N, C-alpha and C. Protein backbone atom coordinates (compact mmCIF):
# COMPACT_ATOMS: atom_id res chain seq x y z
N MET A 1 7.78 37.80 72.73
CA MET A 1 6.80 38.97 73.06
C MET A 1 5.86 38.28 74.29
N ALA A 2 5.86 39.17 75.46
CA ALA A 2 5.03 38.76 76.47
C ALA A 2 3.64 38.87 76.02
N THR A 3 2.85 37.79 76.56
CA THR A 3 1.24 37.90 76.41
C THR A 3 0.66 38.48 77.60
N PHE A 4 -0.62 38.51 77.58
CA PHE A 4 -1.24 38.97 78.65
C PHE A 4 -1.43 38.10 79.95
N PHE A 5 -1.25 36.67 79.59
CA PHE A 5 -1.10 35.78 80.64
C PHE A 5 0.25 35.66 81.36
N ASP A 6 1.22 36.13 80.55
CA ASP A 6 2.61 36.02 81.21
C ASP A 6 2.83 37.29 82.28
N LEU A 7 1.94 38.48 81.73
CA LEU A 7 2.14 39.55 82.56
C LEU A 7 1.30 39.50 83.93
N THR A 8 0.30 38.90 83.59
CA THR A 8 -0.70 38.77 84.92
C THR A 8 0.09 37.49 85.84
N GLY A 9 0.84 36.72 85.27
CA GLY A 9 1.44 35.70 86.14
C GLY A 9 2.44 36.37 87.06
N LEU A 10 3.13 37.35 86.57
CA LEU A 10 4.15 38.18 87.38
C LEU A 10 3.43 38.76 88.60
N GLU A 11 2.09 38.99 88.65
CA GLU A 11 1.47 39.73 89.68
C GLU A 11 1.53 38.89 90.95
N ALA A 12 1.69 37.45 90.91
CA ALA A 12 1.72 36.53 92.19
C ALA A 12 3.26 36.79 92.75
N PHE A 13 3.91 37.17 91.89
CA PHE A 13 5.48 37.69 92.58
C PHE A 13 5.59 38.97 92.95
N SER A 14 4.66 40.06 93.05
CA SER A 14 4.81 41.28 93.45
C SER A 14 5.54 41.41 94.93
N LYS A 15 4.94 40.54 95.80
CA LYS A 15 5.62 40.67 97.25
C LYS A 15 7.17 40.36 96.95
N VAL A 16 7.53 39.39 96.25
CA VAL A 16 9.02 39.16 96.08
C VAL A 16 9.66 40.19 95.58
N PHE A 17 9.31 40.86 94.49
CA PHE A 17 9.95 42.13 93.86
C PHE A 17 9.97 43.17 95.01
N ILE A 18 8.90 43.46 95.66
CA ILE A 18 8.93 44.52 96.62
C ILE A 18 9.99 44.14 97.58
N PHE A 19 10.09 42.94 98.19
CA PHE A 19 11.13 42.40 99.23
C PHE A 19 12.39 42.71 98.57
N ILE A 20 12.81 42.37 97.52
CA ILE A 20 14.02 42.51 96.72
C ILE A 20 14.28 44.09 96.65
N LEU A 21 13.32 44.82 96.19
CA LEU A 21 13.47 46.27 96.13
C LEU A 21 13.96 46.87 97.45
N VAL A 22 13.20 46.73 98.38
CA VAL A 22 13.29 47.13 99.63
C VAL A 22 14.73 46.77 100.42
N VAL A 23 15.02 45.49 100.28
CA VAL A 23 16.41 45.15 100.77
C VAL A 23 17.45 45.81 99.96
N ILE A 24 17.53 45.92 98.73
CA ILE A 24 18.48 46.48 97.84
C ILE A 24 18.60 48.04 98.24
N SER A 25 17.52 48.55 98.42
CA SER A 25 17.41 50.05 98.54
C SER A 25 18.05 50.49 99.90
N ILE A 26 17.61 49.82 100.90
CA ILE A 26 17.87 50.08 102.33
C ILE A 26 19.46 49.79 102.52
N TYR A 27 19.88 48.55 101.88
CA TYR A 27 21.25 48.23 101.97
C TYR A 27 22.03 49.30 101.41
N ALA A 28 21.67 49.73 100.25
CA ALA A 28 22.65 50.73 99.44
C ALA A 28 22.60 52.05 100.31
N ILE A 29 21.49 52.27 100.73
CA ILE A 29 21.44 53.62 101.62
C ILE A 29 22.46 53.48 102.95
N LEU A 30 22.16 52.47 103.43
CA LEU A 30 23.09 52.19 104.85
C LEU A 30 24.51 51.79 104.47
N HIS A 31 24.72 51.04 103.52
CA HIS A 31 26.30 51.05 103.03
C HIS A 31 26.91 52.22 102.69
N PHE A 32 26.36 53.13 102.21
CA PHE A 32 27.04 54.33 102.04
C PHE A 32 27.04 55.34 102.90
N SER A 33 26.28 55.04 104.19
CA SER A 33 26.25 55.94 105.24
C SER A 33 27.27 55.26 106.35
N LYS A 34 27.32 55.75 107.67
CA LYS A 34 27.98 55.41 108.59
C LYS A 34 27.80 54.08 109.06
N PHE A 35 26.52 53.40 108.79
CA PHE A 35 26.53 52.01 109.29
C PHE A 35 27.31 51.03 108.08
N GLY A 36 27.93 51.49 107.22
CA GLY A 36 28.54 50.65 106.26
C GLY A 36 29.84 50.24 106.69
N ARG A 37 30.42 50.70 107.99
CA ARG A 37 31.56 50.26 108.41
C ARG A 37 31.50 48.91 108.98
N ILE A 38 30.45 48.46 109.48
CA ILE A 38 30.21 47.19 110.16
C ILE A 38 29.70 46.33 109.00
N SER A 39 30.19 45.21 108.46
CA SER A 39 29.79 44.71 107.19
C SER A 39 28.69 44.01 107.25
N TRP A 40 28.13 43.38 108.34
CA TRP A 40 26.87 42.58 108.46
C TRP A 40 25.64 43.46 108.88
N LEU A 41 25.90 44.62 109.39
CA LEU A 41 24.75 45.39 109.97
C LEU A 41 23.89 45.85 108.84
N PRO A 42 24.31 46.56 107.57
CA PRO A 42 23.31 46.96 106.57
C PRO A 42 22.51 45.87 106.06
N TRP A 43 23.16 44.60 105.90
CA TRP A 43 22.44 43.67 105.46
C TRP A 43 21.24 43.14 106.41
N LEU A 44 21.66 42.92 107.78
CA LEU A 44 20.60 42.68 108.85
C LEU A 44 19.38 43.71 108.92
N VAL A 45 19.74 44.87 108.91
CA VAL A 45 18.74 45.89 108.96
C VAL A 45 17.90 45.83 107.78
N ALA A 46 18.45 45.69 106.47
CA ALA A 46 17.67 45.88 105.06
C ALA A 46 16.75 44.57 105.04
N LEU A 47 17.48 43.32 105.69
CA LEU A 47 16.38 42.06 105.68
C LEU A 47 15.36 42.25 106.57
N VAL A 48 15.57 42.74 107.66
CA VAL A 48 14.48 42.88 108.69
C VAL A 48 13.37 43.97 108.25
N MET A 49 13.87 45.15 107.71
CA MET A 49 12.88 46.10 106.95
C MET A 49 12.17 45.42 105.86
N GLY A 50 12.70 44.62 105.08
CA GLY A 50 12.08 43.83 104.05
C GLY A 50 11.15 43.05 104.48
N LEU A 51 11.53 42.19 105.41
CA LEU A 51 10.37 41.31 106.03
C LEU A 51 9.09 42.18 106.76
N PHE A 52 9.42 43.24 107.37
CA PHE A 52 8.42 44.17 107.82
C PHE A 52 7.45 44.63 106.83
N VAL A 53 8.06 44.98 105.61
CA VAL A 53 7.44 45.70 104.53
C VAL A 53 6.41 44.59 103.82
N ILE A 54 7.05 43.35 103.66
CA ILE A 54 5.85 42.39 102.96
C ILE A 54 4.91 41.95 103.93
N MET A 55 5.16 42.00 105.36
CA MET A 55 4.20 41.63 106.21
C MET A 55 2.86 42.61 106.14
N SER A 56 3.31 43.87 105.85
CA SER A 56 2.15 44.92 105.88
C SER A 56 1.59 45.03 104.59
N ASP A 57 0.28 44.86 104.56
CA ASP A 57 -0.31 45.05 103.22
C ASP A 57 -0.28 46.57 102.80
N LEU A 58 -0.52 47.41 103.73
CA LEU A 58 -0.58 48.89 103.47
C LEU A 58 0.71 49.43 102.73
N ALA A 59 1.98 48.76 103.55
CA ALA A 59 3.26 49.24 102.98
C ALA A 59 3.50 48.61 101.57
N THR A 60 2.94 47.31 101.47
CA THR A 60 3.29 46.74 100.07
C THR A 60 2.45 47.60 98.99
N GLY A 61 1.13 47.75 99.53
CA GLY A 61 0.25 48.53 98.54
C GLY A 61 1.00 49.98 98.14
N LEU A 62 1.47 50.65 99.19
CA LEU A 62 1.99 51.89 99.05
C LEU A 62 3.17 51.77 97.92
N ILE A 63 4.20 50.80 98.01
CA ILE A 63 5.42 50.57 97.26
C ILE A 63 4.65 50.44 95.84
N LYS A 64 3.78 49.55 95.65
CA LYS A 64 3.29 49.12 94.28
C LYS A 64 2.56 50.29 93.84
N ALA A 65 2.03 51.27 94.48
CA ALA A 65 1.24 52.55 93.79
C ALA A 65 2.52 53.52 93.55
N LEU A 66 3.57 53.88 94.34
CA LEU A 66 4.52 54.77 94.11
C LEU A 66 5.60 54.21 93.06
N ILE A 67 5.87 53.05 92.76
CA ILE A 67 6.77 52.61 91.84
C ILE A 67 6.57 53.38 90.38
N PRO A 68 5.49 53.01 89.94
CA PRO A 68 5.33 53.72 88.43
C PRO A 68 5.52 55.35 88.52
N TRP A 69 5.14 55.96 89.55
CA TRP A 69 5.36 57.41 89.51
C TRP A 69 6.94 57.70 89.69
N GLY A 70 7.64 56.71 90.37
CA GLY A 70 9.12 56.93 90.66
C GLY A 70 9.64 56.78 89.03
N ALA A 71 9.22 55.79 88.40
CA ALA A 71 9.70 55.69 86.99
C ALA A 71 9.49 56.83 86.09
N VAL A 72 8.26 57.27 86.07
CA VAL A 72 7.78 58.43 85.42
C VAL A 72 8.82 59.77 85.85
N LEU A 73 8.97 59.75 86.97
CA LEU A 73 9.84 60.93 87.56
C LEU A 73 11.51 60.79 87.01
N PHE A 74 11.83 59.71 87.05
CA PHE A 74 13.39 59.32 86.57
C PHE A 74 13.22 59.56 85.00
N LEU A 75 12.29 59.13 84.28
CA LEU A 75 12.18 59.50 82.81
C LEU A 75 12.18 60.88 82.66
N PHE A 76 11.20 61.56 83.44
CA PHE A 76 11.20 63.19 83.17
C PHE A 76 12.65 63.73 83.46
N LEU A 77 13.25 63.30 84.62
CA LEU A 77 14.61 64.02 84.77
C LEU A 77 15.53 63.61 83.72
N VAL A 78 15.61 62.42 83.16
CA VAL A 78 16.60 61.90 82.12
C VAL A 78 16.22 63.04 80.73
N PHE A 79 15.03 62.96 80.49
CA PHE A 79 14.78 63.92 79.40
C PHE A 79 14.99 65.39 79.80
N SER A 80 14.73 65.73 80.82
CA SER A 80 15.03 67.15 80.99
C SER A 80 16.55 67.52 80.97
N MET A 81 17.25 66.61 81.56
CA MET A 81 18.80 66.82 81.37
C MET A 81 19.31 66.68 79.87
N THR A 82 18.71 65.88 79.25
CA THR A 82 19.02 65.64 77.82
C THR A 82 18.49 66.95 76.92
N ALA A 83 17.42 67.46 77.14
CA ALA A 83 16.83 68.78 76.50
C ALA A 83 17.80 69.84 77.13
N SER A 84 18.11 69.98 78.22
CA SER A 84 19.03 71.02 78.71
C SER A 84 20.24 71.15 78.12
N GLN A 85 20.92 69.91 77.94
CA GLN A 85 22.33 69.66 77.29
C GLN A 85 22.03 70.14 75.90
N MET A 86 21.09 69.78 75.35
CA MET A 86 20.77 69.97 73.72
C MET A 86 20.68 71.39 73.48
N PHE A 87 20.29 72.05 74.66
CA PHE A 87 20.27 73.86 74.43
C PHE A 87 21.46 74.50 75.09
N GLY A 88 22.53 73.58 75.40
CA GLY A 88 23.84 74.34 75.74
C GLY A 88 24.20 74.17 77.04
N ALA A 89 23.14 73.77 78.08
CA ALA A 89 23.56 73.75 79.62
C ALA A 89 24.55 72.45 79.96
N ALA A 90 25.42 72.66 80.77
CA ALA A 90 26.45 71.65 81.08
C ALA A 90 25.67 70.76 82.21
N PRO A 91 26.25 69.47 82.62
CA PRO A 91 26.02 68.66 83.55
C PRO A 91 25.99 69.46 85.01
N ALA A 92 27.25 70.33 85.07
CA ALA A 92 27.41 70.93 86.34
C ALA A 92 26.47 71.94 86.44
N ASP A 93 25.66 72.27 85.62
CA ASP A 93 24.46 73.33 85.97
C ASP A 93 23.34 72.77 86.86
N TRP A 94 23.45 71.45 86.74
CA TRP A 94 22.21 70.79 87.43
C TRP A 94 22.56 70.59 89.01
N ALA A 95 24.00 70.95 89.19
CA ALA A 95 24.35 70.74 90.61
C ALA A 95 23.74 71.81 91.60
N GLN A 96 23.77 72.93 91.09
CA GLN A 96 23.09 73.93 91.84
C GLN A 96 21.44 73.70 92.02
N PHE A 97 20.91 73.03 90.97
CA PHE A 97 19.48 72.80 91.23
C PHE A 97 19.22 71.48 91.85
N LYS A 98 20.28 70.81 92.47
CA LYS A 98 19.95 69.47 93.09
C LYS A 98 19.20 69.50 94.29
N TRP A 99 19.48 70.51 95.24
CA TRP A 99 18.49 70.58 96.41
C TRP A 99 17.02 70.87 96.18
N VAL A 100 16.58 71.64 95.31
CA VAL A 100 15.41 71.89 94.81
C VAL A 100 14.62 70.76 94.43
N LEU A 101 15.31 69.89 93.57
CA LEU A 101 14.93 68.76 93.06
C LEU A 101 14.65 67.65 94.03
N TYR A 102 15.79 67.69 95.14
CA TYR A 102 15.50 66.54 96.20
C TYR A 102 14.31 67.03 97.11
N ILE A 103 13.79 68.41 97.24
CA ILE A 103 12.91 68.93 98.18
C ILE A 103 11.54 68.74 97.45
N ILE A 104 11.49 68.90 96.22
CA ILE A 104 10.32 68.59 95.34
C ILE A 104 9.97 66.96 95.40
N VAL A 105 11.01 66.26 95.13
CA VAL A 105 10.71 64.73 95.31
C VAL A 105 10.28 64.33 96.53
N ILE A 106 10.90 64.76 97.82
CA ILE A 106 10.44 64.44 99.12
C ILE A 106 9.07 65.07 99.47
N LEU A 107 8.59 66.15 98.92
CA LEU A 107 7.56 66.70 99.26
C LEU A 107 6.37 65.75 98.49
N ILE A 108 6.73 65.35 97.10
CA ILE A 108 5.95 64.61 96.40
C ILE A 108 5.60 63.13 97.14
N LEU A 109 6.60 62.52 97.47
CA LEU A 109 6.37 61.37 98.13
C LEU A 109 5.88 61.47 99.54
N PHE A 110 6.17 62.43 100.16
CA PHE A 110 5.32 62.62 101.63
C PHE A 110 3.98 62.73 101.21
N ILE A 111 3.48 63.69 100.24
CA ILE A 111 2.25 64.00 100.10
C ILE A 111 1.40 62.70 99.55
N SER A 112 2.04 62.00 98.59
CA SER A 112 1.52 60.77 97.98
C SER A 112 1.18 59.73 99.04
N THR A 113 2.32 59.43 99.97
CA THR A 113 2.35 58.47 101.00
C THR A 113 1.07 58.78 101.85
N MET A 114 0.99 60.10 102.31
CA MET A 114 -0.08 60.38 103.35
C MET A 114 -1.44 60.20 102.54
N PHE A 115 -1.63 60.65 101.38
CA PHE A 115 -2.91 60.47 100.59
C PHE A 115 -3.10 58.94 100.63
N TYR A 116 -2.06 58.05 100.28
CA TYR A 116 -2.38 56.74 100.19
C TYR A 116 -2.82 56.13 101.53
N PHE A 117 -2.11 56.55 102.47
CA PHE A 117 -2.52 56.02 103.95
C PHE A 117 -3.86 56.53 104.33
N ARG A 118 -4.14 57.50 104.08
CA ARG A 118 -5.50 58.32 104.52
C ARG A 118 -6.72 57.43 103.42
N GLU A 119 -6.28 57.40 102.39
CA GLU A 119 -7.36 56.54 101.56
C GLU A 119 -7.75 55.11 101.95
N ASN A 120 -6.68 54.48 102.66
CA ASN A 120 -6.84 53.09 103.04
C ASN A 120 -6.97 52.91 104.44
N THR A 121 -7.18 53.98 105.23
CA THR A 121 -7.46 53.80 106.55
C THR A 121 -8.84 54.41 106.88
N VAL A 122 -9.41 53.73 107.89
CA VAL A 122 -10.90 54.36 108.36
C VAL A 122 -10.58 54.97 109.68
N VAL A 123 -11.04 56.28 109.76
CA VAL A 123 -10.97 57.03 110.96
C VAL A 123 -12.45 57.56 111.32
N PRO A 124 -12.77 57.74 112.66
CA PRO A 124 -14.08 58.29 112.97
C PRO A 124 -14.46 59.40 112.32
N GLY A 125 -15.81 59.57 111.87
CA GLY A 125 -16.15 60.64 111.08
C GLY A 125 -16.18 60.45 109.49
N ASP A 126 -15.55 59.21 109.01
CA ASP A 126 -15.69 58.97 107.62
C ASP A 126 -16.89 58.58 107.32
N ILE A 127 -17.39 58.71 106.01
CA ILE A 127 -18.77 58.36 105.63
C ILE A 127 -18.82 57.50 104.55
N ASP A 128 -19.40 56.32 104.54
CA ASP A 128 -19.28 55.45 103.62
C ASP A 128 -20.26 55.73 102.42
N GLU A 129 -20.58 54.68 101.60
CA GLU A 129 -21.45 54.94 100.37
C GLU A 129 -22.90 55.21 100.61
N ASP A 130 -23.41 54.68 101.91
CA ASP A 130 -24.74 54.99 102.19
C ASP A 130 -24.95 56.23 103.05
N GLN A 131 -23.93 57.05 103.12
CA GLN A 131 -23.96 58.27 103.92
C GLN A 131 -24.13 57.99 105.57
N ASP A 132 -23.60 56.88 105.78
CA ASP A 132 -23.52 56.43 107.48
C ASP A 132 -22.08 56.80 107.91
N GLU A 133 -22.11 57.45 109.05
CA GLU A 133 -20.93 57.81 109.74
C GLU A 133 -20.31 56.54 110.03
N LEU A 134 -18.90 56.30 110.00
CA LEU A 134 -18.09 55.11 110.41
C LEU A 134 -17.47 55.46 111.64
N LYS A 135 -17.83 54.68 112.68
CA LYS A 135 -17.24 54.76 113.74
C LYS A 135 -16.38 53.53 114.57
N GLU A 136 -15.53 52.95 113.62
CA GLU A 136 -14.89 51.87 113.95
C GLU A 136 -13.77 51.94 114.72
N ALA A 137 -12.97 52.93 114.50
CA ALA A 137 -11.66 53.25 115.06
C ALA A 137 -11.99 54.34 116.15
N SER A 138 -10.68 54.43 117.04
CA SER A 138 -10.67 55.61 117.93
C SER A 138 -9.41 56.48 117.52
N TYR A 139 -9.48 57.53 118.10
CA TYR A 139 -8.24 58.31 118.10
C TYR A 139 -7.02 58.19 118.67
N PHE A 140 -7.20 57.13 119.45
CA PHE A 140 -6.03 56.96 120.46
C PHE A 140 -4.86 55.91 119.67
N THR A 141 -5.17 55.36 118.79
CA THR A 141 -4.07 54.65 117.92
C THR A 141 -3.12 55.73 117.14
N SER A 142 -2.12 55.29 116.85
CA SER A 142 -1.14 56.36 116.25
C SER A 142 -1.53 56.45 114.71
N GLY A 143 -1.77 55.41 114.09
CA GLY A 143 -2.42 55.75 112.71
C GLY A 143 -3.58 56.51 112.46
N ASN A 144 -4.44 56.67 113.47
CA ASN A 144 -5.45 57.50 113.35
C ASN A 144 -5.09 58.78 113.71
N PHE A 145 -4.26 59.01 114.66
CA PHE A 145 -3.83 60.31 115.16
C PHE A 145 -3.04 61.07 114.19
N PHE A 146 -1.94 60.26 113.42
CA PHE A 146 -1.14 60.90 112.44
C PHE A 146 -1.97 61.23 111.11
N LEU A 147 -3.14 60.53 111.07
CA LEU A 147 -3.92 60.72 109.72
C LEU A 147 -5.33 61.77 110.02
N HIS A 148 -5.30 62.29 111.31
CA HIS A 148 -6.18 63.18 111.42
C HIS A 148 -5.96 64.38 110.73
N PRO A 149 -7.15 65.15 110.39
CA PRO A 149 -6.93 66.39 109.59
C PRO A 149 -6.33 67.50 110.09
N ASN A 150 -6.72 67.70 111.48
CA ASN A 150 -6.01 68.64 111.94
C ASN A 150 -4.40 68.60 112.37
N PHE A 151 -3.99 67.38 112.47
CA PHE A 151 -2.48 66.91 112.57
C PHE A 151 -1.89 67.20 111.30
N LEU A 152 -2.60 66.70 110.06
CA LEU A 152 -1.90 66.89 108.98
C LEU A 152 -1.88 68.46 108.46
N ALA A 153 -2.95 69.25 108.90
CA ALA A 153 -2.80 70.64 108.65
C ALA A 153 -1.70 71.39 109.54
N LEU A 154 -1.45 70.86 110.55
CA LEU A 154 -0.44 71.41 111.38
C LEU A 154 0.89 71.06 110.87
N MET A 155 1.15 69.74 110.33
CA MET A 155 2.47 69.51 109.88
C MET A 155 2.63 70.33 108.44
N PHE A 156 1.68 70.40 107.58
CA PHE A 156 1.74 71.23 106.35
C PHE A 156 2.15 72.65 106.80
N ILE A 157 1.36 73.18 107.81
CA ILE A 157 1.85 74.66 108.09
C ILE A 157 3.24 74.69 108.75
N LEU A 158 3.62 73.69 109.44
CA LEU A 158 5.00 73.71 110.03
C LEU A 158 6.02 73.52 108.84
N LEU A 159 5.69 72.60 107.94
CA LEU A 159 6.62 72.54 106.71
C LEU A 159 6.90 73.83 105.82
N VAL A 160 5.85 74.45 105.80
CA VAL A 160 5.82 75.60 105.13
C VAL A 160 6.75 76.56 105.75
N GLY A 161 6.35 76.70 107.06
CA GLY A 161 7.17 77.73 107.90
C GLY A 161 8.63 77.30 108.06
N ILE A 162 8.83 76.03 107.89
CA ILE A 162 10.46 75.68 107.96
C ILE A 162 11.09 76.12 106.64
N PHE A 163 10.42 75.78 105.43
CA PHE A 163 10.90 76.00 104.14
C PHE A 163 11.07 77.54 103.94
N THR A 164 10.10 78.23 104.43
CA THR A 164 10.00 79.92 104.37
C THR A 164 11.17 80.47 104.99
N VAL A 165 11.41 79.91 106.36
CA VAL A 165 12.54 80.53 107.20
C VAL A 165 13.77 80.19 106.64
N ALA A 166 14.00 78.87 106.13
CA ALA A 166 15.25 78.42 105.51
C ALA A 166 15.56 79.19 104.47
N LEU A 167 14.50 79.31 103.33
CA LEU A 167 14.83 80.09 102.33
C LEU A 167 15.13 81.65 102.50
N LEU A 168 14.41 82.26 103.50
CA LEU A 168 14.55 83.66 103.66
C LEU A 168 15.88 83.87 104.47
N ALA A 169 16.31 83.05 105.39
CA ALA A 169 17.54 83.21 106.16
C ALA A 169 18.89 82.64 105.48
N GLY A 170 18.80 81.72 104.59
CA GLY A 170 19.89 81.13 103.82
C GLY A 170 20.25 82.01 102.65
N LYS A 171 21.14 81.36 101.99
CA LYS A 171 21.49 81.78 100.67
C LYS A 171 20.61 81.31 99.67
N SER A 172 20.52 81.85 98.61
CA SER A 172 19.72 81.56 97.43
C SER A 172 20.03 80.22 96.76
N ILE A 173 19.23 79.28 96.70
CA ILE A 173 19.46 78.16 96.08
C ILE A 173 19.81 78.17 94.70
């Protein structure tokens, strides 16, 4: 059985685990897409993206924050499918619900990613613990532009409009 010291010793390898996760995930996505025809291209892109992720503390922290939630979501889906099969639903019944699940998962990932970025980024107008206004950054950098409340609100309204039009104009899911 693992002790407390064994578990805390693994924290030193978190960047290695994140690198492996990113490389394998990106390789799998690219391998099963159009880029999979050239054998070395998915590996090259995956390795470069893995290096970029471990060089960025913000991206590494984001992945470390999202991995437990991904595991909880996976367990929820497994338990939901098991419970639905217990009540007589077939696995084919989940196929019509697949796109709704994709949209929900993508929205959750997008919102949690934006929340994590906003929490770890200083923008003008932020107030610190002493109620002093922080003026360290300018709005001319892309990170501060994309995390500005007006831009985030505009993107939210745009997403709501896109999904509303898609659901009203298309067939029911």
